[in-house]
Amino acid sequence: MMKKMKKLKKLKSKKVVVSFLTAMLLTSTLAACTSSETSGNDSKQGKDTKPEIRIMTTAYTPDPPSNDSLVIKELEKFTNTNITMNYVLDSAYGDKLNITLASGDLPHIMMIPSKIPSFISAVRDGAFWELGPYLKDYPNLSQANEITLQNSSIDGKVYGIYRARPLGRLGVTFRKDWLTNLGIETPQTIDEFYNVLKAFTHDDPDGNGQDDTYGMVISKYTGPFDIMQIWFGAPNKWGVGKDGSLEPDFFSDEYMNALKFFKKLYDEKLINEDFAVMDPQKWGDPLLNGQAGVIVDVLDRGRRADEDMRKANPDLKEPIDIFGAVEGPKGLRSLPTSGYSGLLAIPKTSVKTEEELKQVLAFIDKLSEKEAQILAYNGIEGRHFELNDGKLVSLATDNKALINEFTDLNQFYTGIPENRFHQPEMSPVREKEQQILKDNEEIVVANPAEALLSEIYAQKGQQLDNIINDARIKFIVGQIDESGFKDAIKLWRSTGGDDYIKEINKLYKEANK
């Protein structure tokens, strides 16, 4: 009886195995057939099915476009894709991004707002596609700015397509009406710039008969000094020394020449004496209040100042003007911004093959076409906007439901190589700003170490920066001389600066092999 039972169990077991193998064979056959008929991301789409594109990015409004938004549907038609959006409020994006990276369940496109440690670690573990070798194959992406690509790279390679922001955004805002009152031309050189500051301080530029103006307002924000020292030929953060290795900007003679110029401005009271403690939030007040004539900052400060002053006093005709840079010993030079705000990265877990990668890149490239940009920035013509004699007229200004159909769509656009959507009518200052932004790109000075990620700087960067920034202020206000500044450099070197230099040069050589 026991033998019969064992024999019966063996027969049942064989039947189960055969049934399981048969099922597996059938499943494999069906999978093979399905695989042969599909293409696109995740191998889920048939030949006639549009590729799926899942996107994770920030939202700055509580009600970003839903996946059934009419604008997204139009964008799907234009790009021949099925788009699924995962919007996360900007205030919560950092936490959500880290959770998503840790989960491994990633979309096809992830917006990475900065070079956060979790993303850098994932890149170094091989979790994201290196995109640099592919960009040349796409009509828009191939026009990416080389400096911005370098700035946004990790270990010298491109792991995300940058979201473009003006690279040449920095310049000078000044009181054009004061310059006109004094009969002075816009300065072209450092010496002429100095003469303008002197005239704004001593020659009664506002014509009120009082000694109540000065040349340039500066706050404790160090940006103006960083911008102006580039005019003198100083490097952007890091320069090439006599031995061919990278060294900090404050090692250079040009840096010291700029420092002496700043001290001259302070000694002659052409800048505000309280600059070292002035709140950056109140930095623009002296310009708007008619006390100071110049601010060195982002160019859009000039546009905003022009608009604010005209609103406050409609009698003002042309109160503000702007320019990019003045000529120094090495010609026209400008300090660039990083040139980007966030990256569009493509994970390997969701985009598994090179063929799929190329599909996603083609989608990103197509977002730069005029039709796609108009959808994201203006909406649908006749529903969200109209053109009246070529001028943009919004139809959604006071209708939140309409605005929410397209607002925040631009959070996954690159803007490479340029903006192509409909712009509102521009003031003369805004038009000039747009031209200077382009002109500045031709004269910006790149930081060769911008993309290098230093462990020493991560640990000691704030301390090292404070040593030099404090010494710069003390030199300008006369608390130390050139010898004292050199002592500060020695302190910087002994506090970790020499190790920082060694590390940067090691990383630089590795990135440029």
Protein backbone atom coordinates (compact mmCIF):
# COMPACT_ATOMS: atom_id res chain seq x y z
CA MET A 1 0.00 0.00 0.00
CA MET A 2 2.83 2.38 0.92
CA LYS A 3 4.58 1.61 -2.38
CA LYS A 4 1.40 2.44 -4.33
CA MET A 5 1.06 5.75 -2.46
CA LYS A 6 4.66 6.73 -3.22
CA LYS A 7 4.20 5.81 -6.90
CA LEU A 8 1.03 7.92 -7.07
CA LYS A 9 2.80 10.92 -5.49
CA LYS A 10 5.65 10.63 -8.01
CA LEU A 11 3.17 10.59 -10.91
CA LYS A 12 1.36 13.66 -9.53
CA SER A 13 4.67 15.43 -9.00
CA LYS A 14 5.70 14.72 -12.60
CA LYS A 15 2.37 16.05 -13.86
CA VAL A 16 2.82 19.28 -11.86
CA VAL A 17 6.33 19.77 -13.22
CA VAL A 18 5.19 19.06 -16.78
CA SER A 19 2.26 21.46 -16.35
CA PHE A 20 4.56 24.12 -14.94
CA LEU A 21 7.10 23.70 -17.74
CA THR A 22 4.31 23.79 -20.33
CA ALA A 23 2.99 27.00 -18.84
CA MET A 24 6.45 28.49 -18.77
CA LEU A 25 7.06 27.50 -22.39
CA LEU A 26 3.73 29.05 -23.42
CA THR A 27 4.53 32.24 -21.48
CA SER A 28 7.99 32.42 -23.04
CA THR A 29 6.52 31.92 -26.51
CA LEU A 30 3.96 34.67 -25.94
CA ALA A 31 6.65 36.93 -24.48
CA ALA A 32 8.86 36.28 -27.50
CA CYS A 33 6.00 37.13 -29.84
CA THR A 34 5.18 40.24 -27.86
CA SER A 35 8.83 41.25 -27.72
CA SER A 36 9.16 40.90 -31.48
CA GLU A 37 6.19 43.22 -31.94
CA THR A 38 7.18 45.92 -29.46
CA SER A 39 9.58 48.80 -29.31
CA GLY A 40 10.18 51.82 -27.09
CA ASN A 41 10.74 52.39 -23.42
CA ASP A 42 10.33 49.38 -21.11
CA SER A 43 9.30 47.30 -24.20
CA LYS A 44 5.64 48.04 -23.45
CA GLN A 45 4.63 49.67 -26.69
CA GLY A 46 3.64 48.02 -29.95
CA LYS A 47 4.81 49.24 -33.34
CA ASP A 48 1.94 51.68 -33.71
CA THR A 49 1.96 52.75 -30.04
CA LYS A 50 3.62 55.98 -28.99
CA PRO A 51 6.59 55.67 -26.61
CA GLU A 52 5.88 56.29 -22.94
CA ILE A 53 7.78 59.11 -21.22
CA ARG A 54 7.52 59.34 -17.43
CA ILE A 55 8.87 62.56 -15.95
CA MET A 56 9.58 63.68 -12.39
CA THR A 57 10.16 67.39 -11.80
CA THR A 58 9.37 70.31 -9.54
CA ALA A 59 6.17 72.31 -9.29
CA TYR A 60 6.02 75.85 -8.00
CA THR A 61 2.21 75.97 -7.90
CA PRO A 62 -0.07 73.73 -5.83
CA ASP A 63 -2.08 72.74 -8.92
CA PRO A 64 0.34 71.93 -11.75
CA PRO A 65 -1.01 70.53 -15.03
CA SER A 66 -2.70 67.14 -14.69
CA ASN A 67 -1.91 64.35 -17.11
CA ASP A 68 -5.16 65.04 -18.98
CA SER A 69 -4.37 68.74 -19.41
CA LEU A 70 -5.22 69.95 -22.91
CA VAL A 71 -1.72 71.41 -23.20
CA ILE A 72 -0.05 68.13 -22.28
CA LYS A 73 -2.26 66.38 -24.81
CA GLU A 74 -1.10 68.85 -27.48
CA LEU A 75 2.49 68.27 -26.40
CA GLU A 76 1.98 64.53 -26.73
CA LYS A 77 0.76 65.03 -30.30
CA PHE A 78 3.73 67.22 -31.17
CA THR A 79 6.32 64.85 -29.66
CA ASN A 80 4.46 61.64 -30.61
CA THR A 81 4.70 60.32 -27.05
CA ASN A 82 2.53 59.41 -24.08
CA ILE A 83 3.58 61.66 -21.20
CA THR A 84 3.03 60.84 -17.54
CA MET A 85 3.94 63.66 -15.16
CA ASN A 86 4.98 63.29 -11.53
CA TYR A 87 5.07 66.82 -10.13
CA VAL A 88 6.48 67.41 -6.63
CA LEU A 89 6.25 70.76 -4.89
CA ASP A 90 9.63 72.46 -4.84
CA SER A 91 9.62 72.71 -1.03
CA ALA A 92 9.43 68.91 -0.77
CA TYR A 93 11.43 67.98 -3.86
CA GLY A 94 14.77 67.27 -2.19
CA ASP A 95 13.31 64.69 0.19
CA LYS A 96 11.17 63.10 -2.50
CA LEU A 97 14.13 62.89 -4.86
CA ASN A 98 16.29 61.07 -2.33
CA ILE A 99 13.46 58.63 -1.51
CA THR A 100 12.89 57.95 -5.21
CA LEU A 101 16.60 57.41 -5.88
CA ALA A 102 16.77 54.93 -3.00
CA SER A 103 13.66 53.06 -4.19
CA GLY A 104 15.03 52.15 -7.61
CA ASP A 105 11.60 52.79 -9.16
CA LEU A 106 12.65 55.68 -11.36
CA PRO A 107 10.99 57.59 -14.21
CA HIS A 108 12.53 58.00 -17.66
CA ILE A 109 13.51 61.62 -16.94
CA MET A 110 14.42 62.97 -13.50
CA MET A 111 15.01 66.64 -12.82
CA ILE A 112 18.02 66.91 -10.51
CA PRO A 113 18.05 70.43 -8.97
CA SER A 114 21.73 70.40 -8.00
CA LYS A 115 24.70 68.11 -7.59
CA ILE A 116 23.35 66.54 -4.43
CA PRO A 117 25.42 63.75 -2.81
CA SER A 118 22.79 61.06 -3.46
CA PHE A 119 22.80 61.82 -7.21
CA ILE A 120 26.59 61.96 -7.39
CA SER A 121 26.79 58.62 -5.59
CA ALA A 122 24.21 57.11 -7.99
CA VAL A 123 26.15 58.42 -10.99
CA ARG A 124 29.39 56.91 -9.72
CA ASP A 125 27.59 53.60 -9.15
CA GLY A 126 26.59 53.59 -12.83
CA ALA A 127 22.87 54.26 -12.28
CA PHE A 128 22.56 57.04 -14.89
CA TRP A 129 23.44 57.27 -18.56
CA GLU A 130 26.42 59.32 -19.61
CA LEU A 131 24.91 61.63 -22.22
CA GLY A 132 27.87 63.60 -23.57
CA PRO A 133 28.68 61.33 -26.56
CA TYR A 134 25.06 61.46 -27.81
CA LEU A 135 24.34 65.21 -27.78
CA LYS A 136 25.97 65.84 -31.15
CA ASP A 137 23.27 63.74 -32.85
CA TYR A 138 20.40 66.11 -32.01
CA PRO A 139 19.78 69.46 -33.72
CA ASN A 140 19.09 71.44 -30.53
CA LEU A 141 21.08 69.58 -27.90
CA SER A 142 24.15 69.68 -30.12
CA GLN A 143 24.17 73.47 -29.62
CA ALA A 144 24.63 73.21 -25.85
CA ASN A 145 27.08 75.75 -24.44
CA GLU A 146 30.46 74.12 -23.75
CA ILE A 147 31.11 76.16 -20.59
CA THR A 148 27.71 75.27 -19.15
CA LEU A 149 28.22 71.61 -20.04
CA GLN A 150 31.52 71.73 -18.18
CA ASN A 151 29.94 73.49 -15.20
CA SER A 152 27.14 70.93 -14.96
CA SER A 153 29.31 67.84 -15.45
CA ILE A 154 30.38 65.31 -12.83
CA ASP A 155 33.93 64.00 -12.90
CA GLY A 156 34.28 65.64 -16.30
CA LYS A 157 31.33 63.80 -17.89
CA VAL A 158 27.75 64.83 -18.70
CA TYR A 159 25.12 62.86 -16.77
CA GLY A 160 22.27 65.32 -17.17
CA ILE A 161 21.13 67.83 -19.75
CA TYR A 162 21.20 71.24 -18.14
CA ARG A 163 18.18 73.54 -17.95
CA ALA A 164 19.65 76.67 -19.47
CA ARG A 165 19.86 79.95 -17.62
CA PRO A 166 21.72 83.04 -18.87
CA LEU A 167 25.46 82.38 -18.64
CA GLY A 168 26.36 86.03 -19.21
CA ARG A 169 23.84 87.43 -16.76
CA LEU A 170 26.17 89.76 -14.82
CA GLY A 171 26.85 93.42 -15.52
CA VAL A 172 26.39 97.01 -14.43
CA THR A 173 23.22 98.98 -13.67
CA PHE A 174 23.59 102.78 -13.59
CA ARG A 175 21.62 106.03 -13.50
CA LYS A 176 21.43 107.02 -17.14
CA ASP A 177 19.76 110.34 -16.30
CA TRP A 178 22.69 111.26 -14.03
CA LEU A 179 25.16 110.45 -16.79
CA THR A 180 23.14 112.61 -19.22
CA ASN A 181 22.99 115.49 -16.70
CA LEU A 182 26.78 115.45 -16.40
CA GLY A 183 27.38 115.10 -20.16
CA ILE A 184 29.35 111.88 -19.74
CA GLU A 185 29.34 108.90 -22.09
CA THR A 186 28.77 105.33 -20.93
CA PRO A 187 32.16 104.07 -19.64
CA GLN A 188 34.11 101.71 -21.85
CA THR A 189 37.26 101.12 -19.74
CA ILE A 190 38.11 100.66 -16.06
CA ASP A 191 39.50 104.20 -15.91
CA GLU A 192 36.31 105.64 -17.41
CA PHE A 193 34.26 103.60 -14.95
CA TYR A 194 36.26 105.09 -12.09
CA ASN A 195 35.70 108.59 -13.48
CA VAL A 196 31.92 107.99 -13.59
CA LEU A 197 31.90 106.92 -9.93
CA LYS A 198 33.91 110.01 -9.05
CA ALA A 199 31.54 112.30 -10.96
CA PHE A 200 28.48 110.67 -9.37
CA THR A 201 30.04 111.38 -5.97
CA HIS A 202 31.31 114.94 -6.41
CA ASP A 203 29.58 116.63 -9.38
CA ASP A 204 25.94 116.83 -8.17
CA PRO A 205 24.54 114.38 -10.78
CA ASP A 206 20.91 114.88 -9.65
CA GLY A 207 21.23 118.67 -9.86
CA ASN A 208 19.74 119.41 -6.45
CA GLY A 209 22.70 121.49 -5.29
CA GLN A 210 23.49 119.18 -2.39
CA ASP A 211 26.36 116.81 -1.65
CA ASP A 212 24.10 113.80 -1.14
CA THR A 213 25.13 111.21 -3.74
CA TYR A 214 27.91 108.68 -4.18
CA GLY A 215 29.17 106.45 -6.95
CA MET A 216 28.39 102.80 -6.23
CA VAL A 217 26.51 100.86 -3.56
CA ILE A 218 27.92 97.54 -2.32
CA SER A 219 26.60 95.22 0.41
CA LYS A 220 28.29 92.44 2.38
CA TYR A 221 27.44 90.15 -0.56
CA THR A 222 30.80 89.71 -2.30
CA GLY A 223 29.42 89.40 -5.84
CA PRO A 224 30.39 92.91 -7.08
CA PHE A 225 34.04 92.38 -6.14
CA ASP A 226 34.04 88.94 -7.79
CA ILE A 227 32.61 90.46 -10.98
CA MET A 228 34.93 93.46 -11.14
CA GLN A 229 38.15 91.55 -10.44
CA ILE A 230 37.54 89.63 -13.68
CA TRP A 231 37.76 92.98 -15.53
CA PHE A 232 41.33 93.26 -14.23
CA GLY A 233 42.29 89.90 -15.70
CA ALA A 234 42.02 87.82 -12.52
CA PRO A 235 41.01 84.16 -12.99
CA ASN A 236 37.53 82.88 -12.27
CA LYS A 237 38.14 81.06 -8.95
CA TRP A 238 41.02 79.00 -10.37
CA GLY A 239 43.71 79.95 -12.88
CA VAL A 240 46.77 78.33 -14.43
CA GLY A 241 49.99 79.09 -12.55
CA LYS A 242 53.52 79.41 -13.93
CA ASP A 243 54.13 75.68 -13.52
CA GLY A 244 50.96 74.82 -15.47
CA SER A 245 48.97 73.65 -12.45
CA LEU A 246 45.73 75.19 -11.18
CA GLU A 247 45.97 77.72 -8.38
CA PRO A 248 43.43 79.98 -6.61
CA ASP A 249 42.55 83.37 -8.10
CA PHE A 250 43.99 85.27 -5.12
CA PHE A 251 47.48 83.96 -5.93
CA SER A 252 47.52 86.15 -9.06
CA ASP A 253 48.91 89.68 -9.52
CA GLU A 254 45.67 90.66 -11.29
CA TYR A 255 43.67 89.84 -8.16
CA MET A 256 45.86 92.15 -6.09
CA ASN A 257 45.54 94.91 -8.71
CA ALA A 258 41.75 94.65 -8.43
CA LEU A 259 42.00 94.70 -4.63
CA LYS A 260 43.98 97.93 -4.73
CA PHE A 261 41.33 99.46 -7.00
CA PHE A 262 38.58 98.52 -4.53
CA LYS A 263 40.60 100.11 -1.71
CA LYS A 264 40.93 103.28 -3.78
CA LEU A 265 37.15 103.44 -4.23
CA TYR A 266 36.71 103.05 -0.47
CA ASP A 267 39.40 105.57 0.47
CA GLU A 268 37.89 108.18 -1.87
CA LYS A 269 34.37 107.45 -0.56
CA LEU A 270 33.09 106.47 -4.00
CA ILE A 271 31.36 103.49 -2.40
CA ASN A 272 29.38 103.29 0.85
CA GLU A 273 31.55 102.97 3.95
CA ASP A 274 29.22 100.45 5.57
CA PHE A 275 29.43 97.93 2.69
CA ALA A 276 30.89 95.17 4.92
CA VAL A 277 27.79 95.10 7.14
CA MET A 278 25.07 96.26 4.74
CA ASP A 279 22.13 93.85 4.46
CA PRO A 280 21.92 92.52 0.87
CA GLN A 281 18.13 92.74 1.16
CA LYS A 282 18.49 96.54 1.34
CA TRP A 283 21.22 96.71 -1.28
CA GLY A 284 19.06 98.23 -4.01
CA ASP A 285 17.50 100.96 -1.87
CA PRO A 286 20.21 103.63 -2.38
CA LEU A 287 19.86 103.31 -6.16
CA LEU A 288 16.07 103.60 -6.06
CA ASN A 289 16.22 106.43 -3.49
CA GLY A 290 18.59 108.57 -5.54
CA GLN A 291 21.62 108.17 -3.28
CA ALA A 292 23.89 105.88 -5.36
CA GLY A 293 24.38 105.80 -9.11
CA VAL A 294 25.73 102.29 -9.80
CA ILE A 295 25.15 98.66 -8.82
CA VAL A 296 27.28 95.78 -10.17
CA ASP A 297 25.08 92.69 -10.14
CA VAL A 298 22.79 90.66 -12.40
CA LEU A 299 21.55 92.61 -15.42
CA ASP A 300 17.90 92.02 -14.60
CA ARG A 301 18.37 94.22 -11.55
CA GLY A 302 18.60 97.12 -14.00
CA ARG A 303 15.35 96.16 -15.70
CA ARG A 304 13.55 95.86 -12.37
CA ALA A 305 14.99 99.15 -11.11
CA ASP A 306 13.88 100.90 -14.31
CA GLU A 307 10.33 99.59 -13.92
CA ASP A 308 10.15 100.44 -10.20
CA MET A 309 11.47 103.97 -10.67
CA ARG A 310 9.06 104.72 -13.52
CA LYS A 311 6.13 103.52 -11.41
CA ALA A 312 7.22 105.66 -8.46
CA ASN A 313 7.86 108.71 -10.64
CA PRO A 314 6.18 108.71 -14.09
CA ASP A 315 8.04 111.92 -14.97
CA LEU A 316 11.30 109.98 -15.23
CA LYS A 317 12.04 109.30 -18.89
CA GLU A 318 15.16 107.11 -18.98
CA PRO A 319 16.35 106.70 -15.39
CA ILE A 320 18.31 103.45 -15.85
CA ASP A 321 20.71 101.91 -18.32
CA ILE A 322 22.92 98.82 -18.26
CA PHE A 323 26.10 97.41 -19.78
CA GLY A 324 27.97 94.14 -19.51
CA ALA A 325 31.60 94.95 -18.71
CA VAL A 326 34.36 97.51 -19.14
CA GLU A 327 37.68 96.84 -20.83
CA GLY A 328 40.68 95.99 -18.69
CA PRO A 329 44.30 94.88 -19.29
CA LYS A 330 43.13 91.69 -21.03
CA GLY A 331 40.21 93.23 -22.94
CA LEU A 332 36.51 92.71 -22.29
CA ARG A 333 35.90 89.92 -19.78
CA SER A 334 32.87 88.88 -17.78
CA LEU A 335 32.25 86.58 -14.83
CA PRO A 336 29.72 83.91 -15.82
CA THR A 337 27.00 82.34 -13.75
CA SER A 338 26.86 78.54 -13.73
CA GLY A 339 24.56 78.84 -16.77
CA TYR A 340 22.01 76.31 -15.60
CA SER A 341 19.41 75.47 -12.98
CA GLY A 342 19.07 71.75 -12.57
CA LEU A 343 19.68 68.76 -14.83
CA LEU A 344 17.48 66.30 -16.70
CA ALA A 345 19.02 62.92 -15.92
CA ILE A 346 18.09 59.55 -17.46
CA PRO A 347 18.23 56.45 -15.20
CA LYS A 348 19.38 53.10 -16.53
CA THR A 349 16.78 51.15 -14.54
CA SER A 350 13.91 52.61 -16.56
CA VAL A 351 15.73 53.35 -19.82
CA LYS A 352 17.50 50.06 -20.32
CA THR A 353 18.86 50.13 -23.87
CA GLU A 354 20.69 52.57 -26.08
CA GLU A 355 17.71 52.55 -28.44
CA GLU A 356 15.41 53.65 -25.62
CA LEU A 357 17.94 56.29 -24.54
CA LYS A 358 17.91 57.78 -28.01
CA GLN A 359 14.12 57.94 -27.93
CA VAL A 360 14.19 59.88 -24.66
CA LEU A 361 16.90 62.22 -25.95
CA ALA A 362 14.87 62.83 -29.13
CA PHE A 363 11.91 63.78 -26.92
CA ILE A 364 14.02 66.20 -24.86
CA ASP A 365 15.49 67.70 -28.03
CA LYS A 366 12.03 68.24 -29.53
CA LEU A 367 10.96 70.21 -26.44
CA SER A 368 13.23 73.00 -27.65
CA GLU A 369 11.28 73.46 -30.88
CA LYS A 370 9.22 76.63 -31.11
CA GLU A 371 5.86 74.83 -31.06
CA ALA A 372 6.74 72.94 -27.86
CA GLN A 373 8.14 76.01 -26.11
CA ILE A 374 5.01 78.01 -26.91
CA LEU A 375 2.86 75.29 -25.34
CA ALA A 376 4.89 75.32 -22.12
CA TYR A 377 5.36 79.07 -21.75
CA ASN A 378 2.29 80.54 -23.47
CA GLY A 379 -0.25 77.70 -23.73
CA ILE A 380 -2.59 77.08 -26.67
CA GLU A 381 -3.30 79.94 -29.05
CA GLY A 382 -6.92 81.01 -28.87
CA ARG A 383 -7.36 79.43 -25.44
CA HIS A 384 -4.52 80.81 -23.32
CA PHE A 385 -3.18 83.61 -25.52
CA GLU A 386 -3.58 85.42 -28.78
CA LEU A 387 -1.34 87.54 -30.98
CA ASN A 388 -2.52 91.05 -31.77
CA ASP A 389 -0.38 92.56 -34.54
CA GLY A 390 2.36 90.20 -33.45
CA LYS A 391 2.13 91.24 -29.78
CA LEU A 392 1.39 88.68 -27.08
CA VAL A 393 -1.95 89.06 -25.33
CA SER A 394 -2.66 86.66 -22.43
CA LEU A 395 -6.17 85.23 -22.17
CA ALA A 396 -5.43 83.40 -18.92
CA THR A 397 -4.18 86.22 -16.68
CA ASP A 398 -7.01 86.06 -14.14
CA ASN A 399 -8.17 82.50 -14.75
CA LYS A 400 -6.29 80.07 -12.50
CA ALA A 401 -7.88 77.02 -14.11
CA LEU A 402 -6.54 78.06 -17.52
CA ILE A 403 -3.13 79.03 -16.13
CA ASN A 404 -2.83 75.65 -14.39
CA GLU A 405 -3.19 73.87 -17.74
CA PHE A 406 0.34 74.87 -18.71
CA THR A 407 2.15 76.50 -15.77
CA ASP A 408 5.18 74.49 -14.57
CA LEU A 409 5.45 72.62 -17.88
CA ASN A 410 8.71 74.48 -18.45
CA GLN A 411 10.24 72.66 -15.46
CA PHE A 412 11.36 69.83 -17.76
CA TYR A 413 12.48 72.00 -20.68
CA THR A 414 16.15 72.67 -21.40
CA GLY A 415 15.95 75.93 -23.33
CA ILE A 416 18.87 74.76 -25.49
CA PRO A 417 19.96 76.58 -27.56
CA GLU A 418 17.57 79.52 -26.97
CA ASN A 419 14.13 80.72 -25.94
CA ARG A 420 11.65 80.48 -28.83
CA PHE A 421 8.31 81.15 -27.16
CA HIS A 422 6.30 84.38 -27.46
CA GLN A 423 7.73 87.12 -25.25
CA PRO A 424 5.76 90.04 -23.78
CA GLU A 425 6.44 93.50 -25.13
CA MET A 426 9.79 94.68 -23.81
CA SER A 427 10.96 98.01 -22.43
CA PRO A 428 14.16 99.48 -23.97
CA VAL A 429 16.15 98.31 -20.93
CA ARG A 430 14.77 94.77 -21.21
CA GLU A 431 15.57 94.65 -24.93
CA LYS A 432 19.11 95.80 -24.20
CA GLU A 433 19.40 93.19 -21.47
CA GLN A 434 18.59 90.42 -23.96
CA GLN A 435 21.33 91.63 -26.29
CA ILE A 436 23.92 91.95 -23.53
CA LEU A 437 23.14 88.42 -22.33
CA LYS A 438 24.18 87.17 -25.77
CA ASP A 439 27.19 89.46 -26.03
CA ASN A 440 28.45 88.44 -22.59
CA GLU A 441 28.51 84.78 -23.57
CA GLU A 442 31.37 85.65 -25.94
CA ILE A 443 33.51 87.14 -23.16
CA VAL A 444 32.79 85.02 -20.08
CA VAL A 445 35.78 83.50 -18.30
CA ALA A 446 35.30 79.85 -17.39
CA ASN A 447 36.32 78.34 -14.07
CA PRO A 448 38.37 75.26 -15.06
CA ALA A 449 37.58 73.58 -11.74
CA GLU A 450 33.83 74.31 -11.71
CA ALA A 451 32.82 70.68 -12.23
CA LEU A 452 35.36 69.17 -9.84
CA LEU A 453 33.95 67.81 -6.58
CA SER A 454 36.42 68.29 -3.75
CA GLU A 455 36.11 66.29 -0.53
CA ILE A 456 38.38 68.74 1.28
CA TYR A 457 36.28 71.71 0.21
CA ALA A 458 33.14 69.91 1.35
CA GLN A 459 34.71 69.65 4.81
CA LYS A 460 36.65 72.92 5.07
CA GLY A 461 35.33 75.15 2.28
CA GLN A 462 33.45 77.60 4.49
CA GLN A 463 36.44 78.07 6.77
CA LEU A 464 38.83 78.55 3.86
CA ASP A 465 36.52 81.02 2.10
CA ASN A 466 36.08 83.05 5.28
CA ILE A 467 39.83 83.51 5.65
CA ILE A 468 40.16 85.13 2.22
CA ASN A 469 36.89 87.07 2.32
CA ASP A 470 37.78 88.57 5.71
CA ALA A 471 41.25 89.48 4.48
CA ARG A 472 39.81 91.13 1.37
CA ILE A 473 37.49 93.33 3.44
CA LYS A 474 40.29 94.23 5.88
CA PHE A 475 42.54 95.21 2.98
CA ILE A 476 39.86 97.39 1.37
CA VAL A 477 39.09 99.28 4.61
CA GLY A 478 42.79 99.64 5.47
CA GLN A 479 43.07 97.29 8.45
CA ILE A 480 45.81 95.27 6.74
CA ASP A 481 48.25 95.99 3.92
CA GLU A 482 49.57 93.78 1.12
CA SER A 483 51.88 92.00 3.57
CA GLY A 484 48.91 91.30 5.82
CA PHE A 485 46.97 89.84 2.91
CA LYS A 486 49.89 87.54 2.13
CA ASP A 487 49.82 86.40 5.76
CA ALA A 488 46.15 85.51 5.27
CA ILE A 489 47.11 83.41 2.25
CA LYS A 490 49.68 81.58 4.39
CA LEU A 491 46.97 80.88 6.97
CA TRP A 492 44.66 79.65 4.20
CA ARG A 493 47.34 77.27 2.94
CA SER A 494 48.15 75.85 6.37
CA THR A 495 44.46 75.46 7.28
CA GLY A 496 43.89 73.00 4.45
CA GLY A 497 44.40 75.14 1.37
CA ASP A 498 47.53 73.31 0.18
CA ASP A 499 45.73 69.97 0.42
CA TYR A 500 42.80 71.53 -1.44
CA ILE A 501 45.10 72.67 -4.25
CA LYS A 502 46.63 69.18 -4.54
CA GLU A 503 43.23 67.55 -4.64
CA ILE A 504 41.87 69.95 -7.27
CA ASN A 505 44.87 69.39 -9.53
CA LYS A 506 44.58 65.61 -9.15
CA LEU A 507 40.86 65.76 -10.04
CA TYR A 508 41.58 68.14 -12.93
CA LYS A 509 44.15 65.79 -14.46
CA GLU A 510 41.83 62.79 -14.09
CA ALA A 511 38.94 64.66 -15.70
CA ASN A 512 41.08 65.72 -18.65
CA LYS A 513 42.73 62.40 -19.47
